[in-house]
Amino acid sequence: MQSISGMRFPTPNLHDEDYAGMRVALCQIETERGDLDGNFSRALLALETAREKGADLAVTPECVIHGYAEANSTDDQARLREVAEPIDGPRIREVSETCARLKLHCVFGFAELGDDQKIYNSAAFIDDQGELRYVYRKVHCRPAESIEHEGLFTAGSEFHVTPINVGDHTFKLGTMICFDREIPETTRCLRALGAELVLCPLAADTNRLDQLPTDQADNELFTRARAAENEQFIVVVNHAKRFNGGSFIIGPAGEVIMQMDSGPGVEVVTLPLEIIAKRFHKNPLGWLGWGYRRSEVYDKYLNP
């Protein structure tokens, strides 16, 4: 039988040359359900720590201000409506002021009270000048959090990517939240918008990436697949202790770059983002299938 080993096309090595990068802080914050003042203070302190450690960008967990709790009772729903923050509310303004003072980009997860009085599971992207680049509203909500079932969050309907300058280089960053990573179209849309790095606030138990089960898929395996099939870095940031921490980073070939333990902390990692434009996305066909897609075939099945 003829060997096919020569047909393998390995993905580029992150370390085969000196690529420009961005220093990303994973702010794994210990939260308490409903402790708005305490959670917010810890989140602001984490931003300060991130900058002290040299970060260009900091990412917090999902719904970090109210500590994330599914609204699965009448009391929970009433409480969530009380604590939801408008985008021009005092806490988000303070985050913007902090980012401007620290010269720090930030993705900040919060429960948003929209102008339409609906509640969204959101993440604000605030740049190092304190300007709001976008608010991403979680597009995919499980029944326990969806207003269409027993929850209170309204699903969003848009994805966003923004360019960020670090030194002489520009990188394109997008956002998803928690369950979004399990839906392949999320990262496909972000890739179509040009995302090189996807930032994912989380509120869910994680598995150890060095101890993955061999008999079933899990969310961490899905995340590795999402990164590889779209040739992106993905940074996932969880709550400490309550949701067992385990924040992690996946590289564009699906490789595990790092993972935190369960406790609170701020870890800063330099990601060689220049490799995405220079080696991965430069190839129009892609290394892992992007350029071989045939949307004219899929549309009749996916959008009948």
Protein backbone atom coordinates (compact mmCIF):
# COMPACT_ATOMS: atom_id res chain seq x y z
CA MET A 1 0.00 0.00 0.00
CA GLN A 2 1.34 3.42 -0.94
CA SER A 3 2.21 5.69 1.95
CA ILE A 4 0.33 9.01 2.13
CA SER A 5 2.49 10.51 4.87
CA GLY A 6 3.95 12.97 2.38
CA MET A 7 0.50 14.50 1.84
CA ARG A 8 0.35 15.97 5.34
CA PHE A 9 0.49 19.77 5.49
CA PRO A 10 1.48 20.83 9.01
CA THR A 11 0.31 24.20 10.24
CA PRO A 12 2.85 26.99 10.78
CA ASN A 13 4.86 26.91 13.99
CA LEU A 14 4.16 29.79 16.37
CA HIS A 15 7.81 29.86 17.33
CA ASP A 16 9.61 29.51 13.99
CA GLU A 17 10.31 33.24 13.87
CA ASP A 18 9.83 36.37 15.95
CA TYR A 19 6.21 37.41 15.38
CA ALA A 20 4.77 40.63 16.78
CA GLY A 21 2.23 40.06 19.49
CA MET A 22 -0.16 41.34 22.10
CA ARG A 23 0.04 40.81 25.87
CA VAL A 24 -3.32 39.43 26.99
CA ALA A 25 -4.42 39.25 30.64
CA LEU A 26 -6.79 36.50 31.76
CA CYS A 27 -8.58 38.05 34.76
CA GLN A 28 -9.94 35.01 36.59
CA ILE A 29 -12.00 36.78 39.24
CA GLU A 30 -13.66 35.24 42.27
CA THR A 31 -17.29 36.37 42.28
CA GLU A 32 -20.25 35.95 44.58
CA ARG A 33 -23.76 35.77 43.23
CA GLY A 34 -25.42 39.16 43.65
CA ASP A 35 -22.43 40.86 45.33
CA LEU A 36 -22.36 43.78 42.92
CA ASP A 37 -20.02 46.05 44.86
CA GLY A 38 -17.58 43.30 45.82
CA ASN A 39 -17.50 41.73 42.35
CA PHE A 40 -17.03 45.08 40.68
CA SER A 41 -14.22 46.08 43.04
CA ARG A 42 -12.44 42.81 42.37
CA ALA A 43 -12.87 43.30 38.62
CA LEU A 44 -11.37 46.80 38.73
CA LEU A 45 -8.48 45.53 40.85
CA ALA A 46 -7.87 42.80 38.27
CA LEU A 47 -7.61 45.45 35.54
CA GLU A 48 -5.06 47.33 37.63
CA THR A 49 -3.08 44.13 38.16
CA ALA A 50 -3.24 43.31 34.45
CA ARG A 51 -1.65 46.63 33.56
CA GLU A 52 0.96 46.32 36.30
CA LYS A 53 1.94 43.00 34.71
CA GLY A 54 2.33 44.67 31.32
CA ALA A 55 -0.90 43.63 29.61
CA ASP A 56 -2.18 45.39 26.49
CA LEU A 57 -5.62 43.80 26.85
CA ALA A 58 -7.59 42.34 29.77
CA VAL A 59 -10.55 39.96 29.65
CA THR A 60 -13.01 39.34 32.51
CA PRO A 61 -15.50 36.48 33.02
CA GLU A 62 -19.09 36.46 31.78
CA CYS A 63 -21.49 38.75 33.70
CA VAL A 64 -18.76 39.58 36.19
CA ILE A 65 -20.66 42.35 38.02
CA HIS A 66 -23.64 40.32 39.23
CA GLY A 67 -21.60 37.13 39.42
CA TYR A 68 -23.68 35.28 36.83
CA ALA A 69 -26.81 33.45 37.89
CA GLU A 70 -29.46 31.98 35.66
CA ALA A 71 -32.82 33.63 36.19
CA ASN A 72 -34.76 30.42 36.86
CA SER A 73 -37.28 31.76 39.34
CA THR A 74 -39.51 34.83 39.62
CA ASP A 75 -37.25 36.26 42.33
CA ASP A 76 -34.13 35.65 40.23
CA GLN A 77 -35.70 37.37 37.25
CA ALA A 78 -36.69 40.41 39.31
CA ARG A 79 -33.21 40.61 40.82
CA LEU A 80 -31.48 40.34 37.46
CA ARG A 81 -33.57 43.19 36.10
CA GLU A 82 -32.56 45.30 39.10
CA VAL A 83 -28.83 44.68 38.66
CA ALA A 84 -28.61 44.88 34.86
CA GLU A 85 -26.41 47.80 33.79
CA PRO A 86 -27.12 50.13 30.85
CA ILE A 87 -24.14 50.70 28.62
CA ASP A 88 -23.98 54.31 29.80
CA GLY A 89 -24.43 53.29 33.44
CA PRO A 90 -22.02 54.31 36.22
CA ARG A 91 -20.11 51.03 36.42
CA ILE A 92 -19.41 50.75 32.69
CA ARG A 93 -18.40 54.42 32.68
CA GLU A 94 -15.95 53.65 35.47
CA VAL A 95 -14.52 50.75 33.49
CA SER A 96 -14.02 53.11 30.53
CA GLU A 97 -12.33 55.68 32.75
CA THR A 98 -10.09 52.97 34.21
CA CYS A 99 -9.09 51.73 30.74
CA ALA A 100 -8.25 55.27 29.64
CA ARG A 101 -6.18 55.91 32.77
CA LEU A 102 -4.33 52.60 32.51
CA LYS A 103 -4.00 52.69 28.70
CA LEU A 104 -5.50 49.21 28.65
CA HIS A 105 -7.90 47.55 26.22
CA CYS A 106 -10.61 45.50 27.92
CA VAL A 107 -13.39 43.02 27.25
CA PHE A 108 -15.78 43.31 30.19
CA GLY A 109 -18.69 40.90 30.70
CA PHE A 110 -21.91 42.23 32.22
CA ALA A 111 -25.69 41.90 32.26
CA GLU A 112 -26.87 44.74 30.04
CA LEU A 113 -30.15 46.61 30.30
CA GLY A 114 -30.80 47.73 26.73
CA ASP A 115 -32.57 50.88 25.59
CA ASP A 116 -35.42 48.55 24.65
CA GLN A 117 -35.65 47.46 28.32
CA LYS A 118 -34.57 43.95 27.37
CA ILE A 119 -31.74 42.26 29.25
CA TYR A 120 -28.73 40.94 27.34
CA ASN A 121 -25.75 38.83 28.34
CA SER A 122 -23.14 41.23 27.00
CA ALA A 123 -19.46 42.04 26.78
CA ALA A 124 -18.21 45.57 26.22
CA PHE A 125 -15.03 46.08 24.20
CA ILE A 126 -13.42 49.24 25.55
CA ASP A 127 -10.17 50.47 24.05
CA ASP A 128 -7.13 51.99 25.73
CA GLN A 129 -8.54 55.48 25.24
CA GLY A 130 -11.69 54.58 27.15
CA GLU A 131 -13.78 54.48 23.98
CA LEU A 132 -16.48 51.86 23.54
CA ARG A 133 -15.71 49.95 20.35
CA TYR A 134 -18.77 47.67 20.55
CA VAL A 135 -21.08 45.79 22.86
CA TYR A 136 -21.41 42.14 21.94
CA ARG A 137 -24.69 40.53 22.99
CA LYS A 138 -24.53 36.76 23.38
CA VAL A 139 -26.17 35.30 20.28
CA HIS A 140 -26.74 31.74 21.54
CA CYS A 141 -28.55 31.33 24.88
CA ARG A 142 -29.41 28.02 26.51
CA PRO A 143 -33.03 27.54 27.72
CA ALA A 144 -32.16 28.32 31.35
CA GLU A 145 -31.05 31.83 30.38
CA SER A 146 -33.19 32.55 27.31
CA ILE A 147 -36.26 34.77 27.57
CA GLU A 148 -37.94 32.40 25.13
CA HIS A 149 -37.77 29.63 27.74
CA GLU A 150 -37.33 29.94 31.52
CA GLY A 151 -34.63 32.63 31.57
CA LEU A 152 -34.53 36.38 31.14
CA PHE A 153 -31.77 37.15 28.63
CA THR A 154 -32.69 38.18 25.09
CA ALA A 155 -30.35 36.75 22.48
CA GLY A 156 -28.27 39.14 20.43
CA SER A 157 -28.15 39.11 16.63
CA GLU A 158 -24.79 40.60 15.61
CA PHE A 159 -21.10 39.70 15.70
CA HIS A 160 -18.33 42.28 15.94
CA VAL A 161 -14.63 42.54 15.15
CA THR A 162 -12.48 45.60 15.79
CA PRO A 163 -8.89 46.51 14.85
CA ILE A 164 -6.52 47.23 17.74
CA ASN A 165 -3.12 48.88 17.39
CA VAL A 166 -0.23 47.53 19.44
CA GLY A 167 2.99 49.32 18.61
CA ASP A 168 3.37 49.34 14.84
CA HIS A 169 0.99 46.44 14.32
CA THR A 170 -2.77 46.17 13.94
CA PHE A 171 -4.65 43.08 15.09
CA LYS A 172 -8.31 42.18 14.60
CA LEU A 173 -10.23 41.06 17.68
CA GLY A 174 -13.71 39.65 18.13
CA THR A 175 -15.83 38.40 21.03
CA MET A 176 -18.09 35.48 21.85
CA ILE A 177 -19.57 34.39 25.19
CA CYS A 178 -19.63 30.92 26.79
CA PHE A 179 -22.17 28.72 24.93
CA ASP A 180 -21.40 30.57 21.68
CA ARG A 181 -18.22 28.50 21.32
CA GLU A 182 -20.27 25.30 20.96
CA ILE A 183 -22.02 26.65 17.85
CA PRO A 184 -19.65 26.45 14.84
CA GLU A 185 -21.26 29.39 13.07
CA THR A 186 -20.09 31.76 15.84
CA THR A 187 -16.40 31.53 15.05
CA ARG A 188 -17.12 31.11 11.33
CA CYS A 189 -18.79 34.52 11.35
CA LEU A 190 -15.95 36.04 13.36
CA ARG A 191 -13.41 34.58 10.93
CA ALA A 192 -15.41 36.00 8.02
CA LEU A 193 -15.11 39.40 9.72
CA GLY A 194 -11.35 38.93 9.90
CA ALA A 195 -10.86 38.02 13.57
CA GLU A 196 -7.37 36.85 14.47
CA LEU A 197 -8.06 36.64 18.19
CA VAL A 198 -11.43 35.73 19.76
CA LEU A 199 -12.08 36.65 23.39
CA CYS A 200 -14.58 34.52 25.29
CA PRO A 201 -15.89 35.47 28.75
CA LEU A 202 -17.18 32.30 30.45
CA ALA A 203 -19.35 31.13 33.36
CA ALA A 204 -19.20 27.33 33.25
CA ASP A 205 -17.13 24.54 34.75
CA THR A 206 -14.07 23.70 32.69
CA ASN A 207 -12.16 20.46 32.25
CA ARG A 208 -8.41 20.18 32.50
CA LEU A 209 -6.93 20.36 29.02
CA ASP A 210 -4.17 17.94 30.02
CA GLN A 211 -6.72 15.39 31.28
CA LEU A 212 -9.41 15.35 28.59
CA PRO A 213 -11.81 12.41 28.52
CA THR A 214 -11.10 9.96 25.72
CA ASP A 215 -14.62 8.65 25.29
CA GLN A 216 -16.59 11.84 24.66
CA ALA A 217 -16.35 15.40 23.44
CA ASP A 218 -16.47 18.31 25.86
CA ASN A 219 -16.54 22.11 25.64
CA GLU A 220 -12.77 22.37 25.72
CA LEU A 221 -12.45 20.01 22.76
CA PHE A 222 -15.03 22.10 20.89
CA THR A 223 -12.99 25.22 21.63
CA ARG A 224 -9.84 23.63 20.23
CA ALA A 225 -11.75 22.65 17.11
CA ARG A 226 -13.18 26.17 16.71
CA ALA A 227 -9.69 27.69 16.92
CA ALA A 228 -8.19 25.23 14.43
CA GLU A 229 -10.94 25.28 11.82
CA ASN A 230 -10.88 29.09 11.76
CA GLU A 231 -7.15 29.57 12.34
CA GLN A 232 -7.57 31.94 15.28
CA PHE A 233 -6.35 32.32 18.82
CA ILE A 234 -9.14 31.88 21.39
CA VAL A 235 -8.87 33.17 24.97
CA VAL A 236 -11.45 31.82 27.44
CA VAL A 237 -11.77 33.52 30.86
CA ASN A 238 -13.84 31.96 33.65
CA HIS A 239 -14.92 32.83 37.19
CA ALA A 240 -12.63 31.55 39.94
CA LYS A 241 -13.85 28.87 42.36
CA ARG A 242 -17.61 29.16 41.70
CA PHE A 243 -17.17 27.81 38.18
CA ASN A 244 -13.83 26.13 38.97
CA GLY A 245 -11.65 28.55 37.00
CA GLY A 246 -9.49 26.81 34.42
CA SER A 247 -9.27 29.82 32.07
CA PHE A 248 -7.21 28.94 29.02
CA ILE A 249 -5.76 29.91 25.66
CA ILE A 250 -5.90 27.90 22.42
CA GLY A 251 -3.68 28.59 19.40
CA PRO A 252 -4.64 28.65 15.71
CA ALA A 253 -3.74 24.99 15.14
CA GLY A 254 -5.90 23.93 18.10
CA GLU A 255 -2.88 23.69 20.39
CA VAL A 256 -3.14 24.35 24.13
CA ILE A 257 -1.02 27.36 25.06
CA MET A 258 -1.85 27.60 28.77
CA GLN A 259 -4.48 26.96 31.41
CA MET A 260 -4.96 28.45 34.88
CA ASP A 261 -5.94 26.56 38.02
CA SER A 262 -9.18 27.13 39.94
CA GLY A 263 -8.17 30.07 42.13
CA PRO A 264 -8.41 33.80 41.47
CA GLY A 265 -5.56 35.47 39.66
CA VAL A 266 -4.40 37.47 36.66
CA GLU A 267 -2.15 35.75 34.13
CA VAL A 268 -0.56 37.68 31.27
CA VAL A 269 0.52 35.83 28.14
CA THR A 270 2.10 37.25 24.99
CA LEU A 271 0.37 35.90 21.91
CA PRO A 272 2.22 36.12 18.56
CA LEU A 273 -0.81 37.42 16.69
CA GLU A 274 1.18 38.54 13.67
CA ILE A 275 1.43 34.91 12.58
CA ILE A 276 -2.29 34.88 11.73
CA ALA A 277 -2.09 37.49 8.98
CA LYS A 278 1.44 36.59 7.98
CA ARG A 279 1.12 32.81 7.76
CA PHE A 280 -2.41 31.49 8.37
CA HIS A 281 -4.89 33.91 6.78
CA LYS A 282 -2.41 34.89 4.08
CA ASN A 283 -3.06 31.56 2.38
CA PRO A 284 -6.42 32.02 0.55
CA LEU A 285 -7.20 28.32 0.87
CA GLY A 286 -6.22 28.24 4.51
CA TRP A 287 -4.28 25.54 6.29
CA LEU A 288 -7.34 23.77 7.66
CA GLY A 289 -10.05 24.18 5.06
CA TRP A 290 -11.27 27.79 5.16
CA GLY A 291 -10.76 28.44 1.45
CA TYR A 292 -12.37 25.18 0.37
CA ARG A 293 -15.83 26.10 1.62
CA ARG A 294 -18.70 26.10 -0.92
CA SER A 295 -21.48 28.27 0.48
CA GLU A 296 -23.59 27.83 -2.65
CA VAL A 297 -23.91 24.14 -1.76
CA TYR A 298 -24.58 24.66 1.95
CA ASP A 299 -27.21 27.38 1.57
CA LYS A 300 -29.88 25.08 0.19
CA TYR A 301 -29.55 22.89 3.28
CA LEU A 302 -28.86 25.46 5.97
CA ASN A 303 -31.12 28.25 4.70
CA PRO A 304 -33.96 26.54 2.80
